[in-house]
Structure formats: C-alpha cells, structure tokens
Amino acid sequence: MNSPPTEDGAITPTKEFSMYDGMLHVKCYGLKTGNWKMKSRSTSEEFNLALDVNQNVTTYEKIEKIAGDSGLSHIFFPRPSSFNGQVCFEKLYAWPETCLSGGLRISRGPLYDGVIIDPTSEPNTGFLITTADCPTVVVYNEKTGRFVVTHAGRWSVIDKSNAHNRKFGRDFEGTLEWAIHAHKKVAHWRRESFYTEDLHAFVCCGIKNGFMHSLTHPQHGADNKKLWKHLQRLLPKCPPEEYRLGDDLLLEQFIAKRLELLGLKSDHIVIDDIDTLNDRDATGKPVWASAVRNQNERNAVLVYQKP
C-alpha cells in the first residue's frame, strides 16, 4: 500500500513490517515520500558531517520526522558507497555525531555497509539507509535482541576481487559473513554463548531481477561469466537455477541460500515481496526508486527495536 505524507506532516511508510513477535520494526519509504538521495562528497575525501547536514537539509528534516514518529532518539546512518562489505562493531560509539534541532542524534560518516545495534546498551536507537535496488538485510538474535542491519548490494555481499581475479580483497567474502561475525564477537566480549541457529534474517526492499548484463555483453559479459563460477563456489551444493534466471542473478535468493549455508535455519530466513524495479501503484506509476530506472533517486529503510 502506497502512503503519501499526511496533512499533519507525518511521513507514512510505503510499506512496514513488524518482525519477531513485534520486537523489530522495518519501515520502507518509497517515491511518494520524496527522494532520499544524499548529496555527498567523494568517498576519497575526509568526511565533514556539518557539510553533509548543510547539503542535505531536507533529507535530514525527514529523517528527524520519521525517527520522532518511531520514538527514536539516535540513528546510525552509515555511508555504504564503497561497498566494502563491513559491519561496524569495534568502534560502534566513536562515529562523528550531530544533534539536530529537535534533539535527534545522528551518527554518520564511516564507510560501512552495516552496524550491529544492542538495544540494552543503546535504547531507542535505529538504523537508516538510503538505497535503490540493493536489498537491506536484517540479522536478528532472538536470544540477545541485538540486530545487524546492512546494505546488501551485489558487491557488498560478494567480494568483487575474489569473483573476478580469484584474489581475496577483504577479510570476509562480504557483509553476510560480517553480520554473523559481529554477533559472535559481541557475544564473546559479553561472555555469552553464541549459536548461529538463534539468528533470524529478513531481506527487504530490493530488486527481484533485471539488473545483470548478459553473458554476451561486450563490456561486462566476461566478468559476469567469472562471477557465475564464483557464485557456484560459494554455493557448491545449491542448484544455480535457485538463484539464477537466465543470465540474471536473483540476488535476494542468493543471499538467502548463502545465509543458510552459513548456518541460519531455512525457516529463519524471510524475503519480502517488494520489487523496487517493477512495483507499480494503481495508476501505473513506480512505487520505489530504482537505480536501473533512475540513478538519482533513493528509497529509505528504517530499522529499530520497539522502544
């Protein structure tokens, strides 16, 4: 159901999910809530949070509104533009931080794909990401209440260097492995037992298919052939047709299969029904921003535990 802003200024989610007996909330904001794309400096330049706020006043005002409507006082808002596949947990509370006029604290700056949040030590805290086509993945621990939220674009989930050149480009294959590692590491610090079967995953607000170039494409075909071979190495016992449609990667299905291989129970993995490229409203207009359709538009995804 598509929901425009209301007369009182509230920004109603385009789609909302209540997960795990109402403990975790996921709110997705599509085109009718405006464009959430951030103006930002090059990832190679030193990040300036004050400049970021000044360049994106309208978006920060919308963030403050949806956070307030959700009862949140703090938002982690990473910049996943480098697709490094990393989930932040070592220096979780050392991010650059700003406090907006209404009192909302926003932690923003590091080039992470995701963050692990512990509601017991940091209550009323959420995660926000702006995205178009790349899925968002939530990995929730039912025993501790901690949750990882991460951007899950193709090169966040898959090590591009490993896929194309058979050379590891980072410590883990991608953000899925990092998410589980973050849960495990924090449990170790807290001297808690950790079991992967306690984890649940929700894959949301992504493209279903339609973003991969053909294997015969003159520019990208050769690399995509290497990619398919790499995916089969990552899922050696999974038939490719379970995450492939012709030459196209079913990224959300691949994510689900990979999470299962990493130890999550299959019935603990849920994929939503959003298709950012193909969903249309009653008038035939697109519901979501899609990078395949327009590189200059973004959706927003807000994830938080019930305050």
Protein backbone atom coordinates (compact mmCIF):
# COMPACT_ATOMS: atom_id res chain seq x y z
CA MET A 1 0.00 0.00 0.00
CA ASN A 2 1.39 3.41 -1.00
CA SER A 3 1.08 6.16 1.58
CA PRO A 4 1.76 9.87 0.85
CA PRO A 5 2.66 12.34 3.62
CA THR A 6 -0.39 13.25 5.70
CA GLU A 7 -1.80 16.71 6.32
CA ASP A 8 -0.16 16.90 9.77
CA GLY A 9 3.27 16.41 8.21
CA ALA A 10 3.70 12.76 9.17
CA ILE A 11 5.66 10.70 6.68
CA THR A 12 3.87 7.37 6.44
CA PRO A 13 5.94 4.36 5.38
CA THR A 14 5.19 2.99 1.94
CA LYS A 15 5.49 -0.45 3.49
CA GLU A 16 6.00 -1.51 7.10
CA PHE A 17 6.95 -4.84 8.66
CA SER A 18 6.67 -5.94 12.27
CA MET A 19 9.03 -8.84 12.87
CA TYR A 20 9.77 -11.39 15.59
CA ASP A 21 6.63 -11.01 17.70
CA GLY A 22 6.67 -7.25 17.24
CA MET A 23 10.16 -6.78 18.64
CA LEU A 24 11.69 -5.38 15.47
CA HIS A 25 10.21 -2.85 13.06
CA VAL A 26 11.21 -2.25 9.45
CA LYS A 27 9.80 0.79 7.64
CA CYS A 28 10.39 1.31 3.91
CA TYR A 29 9.85 4.70 2.30
CA GLY A 30 9.31 4.88 -1.46
CA LEU A 31 8.83 7.58 -4.08
CA LYS A 32 5.66 9.08 -2.61
CA THR A 33 7.65 10.10 0.46
CA GLY A 34 10.12 12.03 -1.71
CA ASN A 35 13.66 11.42 -2.90
CA TRP A 36 16.03 10.28 -0.13
CA LYS A 37 19.22 10.55 -2.19
CA MET A 38 22.06 12.23 -0.30
CA LYS A 39 24.39 14.78 -1.82
CA SER A 40 27.82 13.76 -0.63
CA ARG A 41 31.48 14.35 -1.25
CA SER A 42 33.77 11.79 -2.82
CA THR A 43 34.46 8.75 -0.64
CA SER A 44 38.18 9.51 -1.00
CA GLU A 45 37.80 12.88 0.76
CA GLU A 46 37.65 13.39 4.50
CA PHE A 47 34.03 13.33 5.60
CA ASN A 48 32.59 16.53 7.00
CA LEU A 49 29.37 15.91 8.92
CA ALA A 50 28.42 19.58 9.23
CA LEU A 51 28.75 19.99 5.46
CA ASP A 52 26.75 16.79 4.92
CA VAL A 53 23.90 18.21 7.01
CA ASN A 54 24.02 21.56 5.21
CA GLN A 55 23.96 19.90 1.80
CA ASN A 56 21.01 17.65 2.72
CA VAL A 57 18.80 19.81 4.95
CA THR A 58 15.50 18.48 3.58
CA THR A 59 16.55 14.85 3.93
CA TYR A 60 17.80 15.34 7.48
CA GLU A 61 14.50 17.03 8.36
CA LYS A 62 12.64 13.99 7.02
CA ILE A 63 14.93 11.64 8.97
CA GLU A 64 14.21 13.58 12.16
CA LYS A 65 10.48 13.35 11.46
CA ILE A 66 10.36 9.59 10.87
CA ALA A 67 12.67 8.94 13.83
CA GLY A 68 10.47 11.02 16.12
CA ASP A 69 7.33 9.27 14.87
CA SER A 70 9.03 5.96 15.74
CA GLY A 71 10.09 7.01 19.25
CA LEU A 72 13.81 7.08 18.42
CA SER A 73 16.43 9.42 19.84
CA HIS A 74 19.50 8.11 17.97
CA ILE A 75 20.08 6.95 14.40
CA PHE A 76 23.07 5.17 12.89
CA PHE A 77 23.30 6.33 9.27
CA PRO A 78 26.35 4.80 7.54
CA ARG A 79 27.65 5.52 4.06
CA PRO A 80 27.83 2.22 2.13
CA SER A 81 29.07 3.84 -1.08
CA SER A 82 32.38 1.95 -1.10
CA PHE A 83 30.68 -1.49 -0.99
CA ASN A 84 33.35 -2.73 1.42
CA GLY A 85 31.11 -5.40 2.96
CA GLN A 86 31.99 -4.41 6.53
CA VAL A 87 29.73 -4.30 9.58
CA CYS A 88 30.79 -1.89 12.30
CA PHE A 89 31.11 -3.16 15.86
CA GLU A 90 34.61 -2.43 17.16
CA LYS A 91 34.17 1.34 17.43
CA LEU A 92 30.41 1.46 17.48
CA TYR A 93 30.13 4.61 19.55
CA ALA A 94 33.07 6.56 18.08
CA TRP A 95 31.28 7.81 14.97
CA PRO A 96 31.03 11.50 14.08
CA GLU A 97 27.75 12.67 15.58
CA THR A 98 25.41 15.59 15.16
CA CYS A 99 22.36 16.61 17.14
CA LEU A 100 19.54 18.07 15.07
CA SER A 101 17.31 20.90 16.24
CA GLY A 102 14.67 18.53 17.56
CA GLY A 103 17.19 16.59 19.64
CA LEU A 104 17.76 13.59 17.37
CA ARG A 105 21.35 12.30 17.48
CA ILE A 106 22.65 11.05 14.15
CA SER A 107 25.87 9.04 13.87
CA ARG A 108 27.18 9.27 10.33
CA GLY A 109 30.46 9.19 8.49
CA PRO A 110 32.26 5.83 8.33
CA LEU A 111 32.12 3.90 5.08
CA TYR A 112 30.46 0.81 6.50
CA ASP A 113 27.75 -1.30 4.89
CA GLY A 114 26.16 -2.13 8.24
CA VAL A 115 26.06 -1.79 12.01
CA ILE A 116 25.28 -4.05 14.96
CA ILE A 117 22.96 -2.42 17.49
CA ASP A 118 22.47 -3.55 21.09
CA PRO A 119 19.19 -2.10 22.40
CA THR A 120 20.13 -2.92 26.02
CA SER A 121 23.14 -0.60 25.97
CA GLU A 122 21.80 1.91 23.44
CA PRO A 123 17.98 2.04 23.73
CA ASN A 124 15.74 3.93 21.29
CA THR A 125 18.38 3.58 18.58
CA GLY A 126 17.65 2.78 14.94
CA PHE A 127 19.44 2.25 11.66
CA LEU A 128 18.69 4.19 8.48
CA ILE A 129 19.93 3.60 4.97
CA THR A 130 19.08 5.20 1.63
CA THR A 131 19.08 2.74 -1.22
CA ALA A 132 17.77 1.92 -4.68
CA ASP A 133 17.58 -1.75 -5.78
CA CYS A 134 20.23 -3.03 -3.34
CA PRO A 135 18.45 -5.08 -0.66
CA THR A 136 18.70 -4.34 3.04
CA VAL A 137 19.38 -7.36 5.29
CA VAL A 138 18.47 -7.57 8.98
CA VAL A 139 20.11 -10.30 11.09
CA TYR A 140 18.42 -10.56 14.49
CA ASN A 141 19.47 -12.62 17.51
CA GLU A 142 16.35 -13.90 19.24
CA LYS A 143 18.21 -14.58 22.50
CA THR A 144 20.00 -11.24 22.95
CA GLY A 145 17.80 -8.83 20.99
CA ARG A 146 20.84 -7.48 19.15
CA PHE A 147 20.45 -6.89 15.46
CA VAL A 148 22.67 -6.16 12.49
CA VAL A 149 21.31 -4.12 9.62
CA THR A 150 23.34 -3.95 6.47
CA HIS A 151 23.28 -2.75 2.91
CA ALA A 152 23.43 -5.85 0.70
CA GLY A 153 24.27 -4.77 -2.81
CA ARG A 154 25.92 -7.30 -5.08
CA TRP A 155 29.49 -6.16 -4.31
CA SER A 156 28.73 -5.79 -0.63
CA VAL A 157 27.66 -9.44 -0.43
CA ILE A 158 30.25 -10.74 -2.91
CA ASP A 159 33.99 -9.98 -2.93
CA LYS A 160 34.46 -8.45 -6.40
CA SER A 161 38.21 -9.07 -6.39
CA ASN A 162 37.69 -12.70 -5.47
CA ALA A 163 34.98 -13.13 -8.09
CA HIS A 164 36.87 -11.56 -10.99
CA ASN A 165 40.50 -12.30 -10.14
CA ARG A 166 40.47 -15.15 -7.58
CA LYS A 167 42.24 -12.84 -5.12
CA PHE A 168 40.73 -12.01 -1.75
CA GLY A 169 40.02 -8.31 -1.49
CA ARG A 170 38.91 -8.28 2.17
CA ASP A 171 38.78 -10.32 5.39
CA PHE A 172 35.38 -11.89 4.66
CA GLU A 173 33.52 -12.63 1.46
CA GLY A 174 31.01 -9.92 2.26
CA THR A 175 28.51 -8.34 4.57
CA LEU A 176 26.63 -11.56 5.37
CA GLU A 177 29.73 -13.14 6.90
CA TRP A 178 30.50 -9.86 8.67
CA ALA A 179 26.99 -9.76 10.16
CA ILE A 180 27.38 -13.19 11.74
CA HIS A 181 30.93 -12.37 12.86
CA ALA A 182 29.69 -9.19 14.56
CA HIS A 183 27.08 -11.13 16.53
CA LYS A 184 29.67 -13.72 17.50
CA LYS A 185 32.27 -11.15 18.50
CA VAL A 186 29.94 -9.12 20.72
CA ALA A 187 28.71 -12.30 22.40
CA HIS A 188 32.34 -13.23 23.11
CA TRP A 189 33.01 -9.81 24.67
CA ARG A 190 29.92 -10.24 26.85
CA ARG A 191 30.98 -13.80 27.77
CA GLU A 192 27.77 -15.18 26.32
CA SER A 193 27.11 -18.37 24.42
CA PHE A 194 26.55 -17.89 20.71
CA TYR A 195 24.60 -20.17 18.38
CA THR A 196 24.02 -19.35 14.73
CA GLU A 197 20.65 -21.11 14.89
CA ASP A 198 19.43 -18.29 17.18
CA LEU A 199 19.78 -15.84 14.28
CA HIS A 200 16.93 -14.74 12.03
CA ALA A 201 17.31 -12.84 8.75
CA PHE A 202 14.96 -10.54 6.87
CA VAL A 203 15.81 -9.47 3.31
CA CYS A 204 13.88 -6.42 2.18
CA CYS A 205 13.35 -3.51 -0.21
CA GLY A 206 15.42 -4.79 -3.11
CA ILE A 207 15.17 -5.58 -6.80
CA LYS A 208 13.95 -9.07 -7.69
CA ASN A 209 15.75 -9.32 -11.04
CA GLY A 210 16.63 -7.25 -14.07
CA PHE A 211 19.98 -5.65 -13.25
CA MET A 212 22.62 -8.05 -14.65
CA HIS A 213 24.16 -7.68 -18.09
CA SER A 214 24.02 -10.61 -20.49
CA LEU A 215 26.91 -13.06 -20.60
CA THR A 216 27.40 -11.96 -24.22
CA HIS A 217 27.63 -8.25 -23.32
CA PRO A 218 30.79 -6.86 -24.96
CA GLN A 219 31.89 -4.94 -21.85
CA HIS A 220 30.57 -6.96 -18.88
CA GLY A 221 29.97 -10.45 -20.26
CA ALA A 222 33.42 -11.89 -19.49
CA ASP A 223 33.38 -10.68 -15.89
CA ASN A 224 29.85 -11.98 -15.39
CA LYS A 225 30.96 -15.44 -16.53
CA LYS A 226 33.64 -15.29 -13.83
CA LEU A 227 31.02 -14.14 -11.34
CA TRP A 228 28.76 -17.11 -12.04
CA LYS A 229 31.64 -19.53 -11.49
CA HIS A 230 32.43 -17.77 -8.21
CA LEU A 231 28.81 -17.99 -7.03
CA GLN A 232 28.87 -21.72 -7.65
CA ARG A 233 32.00 -21.94 -5.49
CA LEU A 234 30.15 -20.05 -2.74
CA LEU A 235 27.11 -22.36 -3.01
CA PRO A 236 28.64 -25.65 -4.15
CA LYS A 237 25.62 -27.82 -3.33
CA CYS A 238 22.89 -25.42 -4.46
CA PRO A 239 21.50 -25.74 -8.00
CA PRO A 240 22.18 -22.43 -9.81
CA GLU A 241 18.58 -22.22 -11.01
CA GLU A 242 17.57 -21.50 -7.40
CA TYR A 243 19.29 -18.10 -7.57
CA ARG A 244 19.56 -17.54 -11.31
CA LEU A 245 17.06 -16.58 -14.03
CA GLY A 246 18.73 -16.88 -17.43
CA ASP A 247 21.74 -14.57 -17.27
CA ASP A 248 20.27 -12.62 -14.36
CA LEU A 249 21.18 -13.02 -10.69
CA LEU A 250 18.28 -13.35 -8.23
CA LEU A 251 20.27 -11.52 -5.57
CA GLU A 252 17.79 -11.93 -2.71
CA GLN A 253 17.56 -15.67 -3.36
CA PHE A 254 21.35 -15.91 -3.42
CA ILE A 255 21.50 -14.05 -0.09
CA ALA A 256 19.00 -16.47 1.46
CA LYS A 257 20.89 -19.51 0.21
CA ARG A 258 24.21 -18.12 1.40
CA LEU A 259 22.82 -17.36 4.86
CA GLU A 260 21.52 -20.91 5.08
CA LEU A 261 24.96 -22.25 4.15
CA LEU A 262 26.47 -20.02 6.87
CA GLY A 263 24.32 -21.74 9.50
CA LEU A 264 20.95 -19.99 9.68
CA LYS A 265 17.89 -22.22 9.65
CA SER A 266 15.98 -22.00 6.37
CA ASP A 267 12.73 -21.18 8.20
CA HIS A 268 14.52 -18.28 9.94
CA ILE A 269 15.14 -16.51 6.61
CA VAL A 270 12.38 -14.34 5.14
CA ILE A 271 12.34 -12.34 1.90
CA ASP A 272 9.76 -9.58 1.48
CA ASP A 273 7.56 -9.06 -1.60
CA ILE A 274 8.93 -5.64 -2.62
CA ASP A 275 10.36 -5.33 -6.12
CA THR A 276 11.97 -1.90 -6.43
CA LEU A 277 12.14 -2.07 -10.23
CA ASN A 278 8.73 -3.44 -11.13
CA ASP A 279 6.23 -2.49 -8.38
CA ARG A 280 3.57 -0.06 -9.63
CA ASP A 281 0.71 1.77 -7.92
CA ALA A 282 -2.92 1.78 -9.08
CA THR A 283 -2.14 4.44 -11.70
CA GLY A 284 0.81 2.54 -13.11
CA LYS A 285 3.48 4.78 -11.58
CA PRO A 286 6.59 3.26 -9.95
CA VAL A 287 6.30 2.79 -6.20
CA TRP A 288 10.03 2.67 -5.43
CA ALA A 289 13.21 4.34 -6.54
CA SER A 290 15.26 2.03 -8.78
CA ALA A 291 18.82 2.67 -9.90
CA VAL A 292 18.12 0.65 -13.05
CA ARG A 293 15.47 3.24 -13.92
CA ASN A 294 16.99 6.42 -12.41
CA GLN A 295 20.40 6.76 -10.74
CA ASN A 296 19.36 9.97 -8.96
CA GLU A 297 16.55 8.62 -6.77
CA ARG A 298 16.68 6.69 -3.49
CA ASN A 299 14.34 4.97 -1.04
CA ALA A 300 14.89 4.89 2.71
CA VAL A 301 14.78 1.94 5.10
CA LEU A 302 14.48 2.46 8.87
CA VAL A 303 15.03 -0.46 11.27
CA TYR A 304 14.65 -0.34 15.05
CA GLN A 305 13.62 -2.36 18.05
CA LYS A 306 10.38 -1.39 19.71
CA PRO A 307 11.19 1.34 22.32
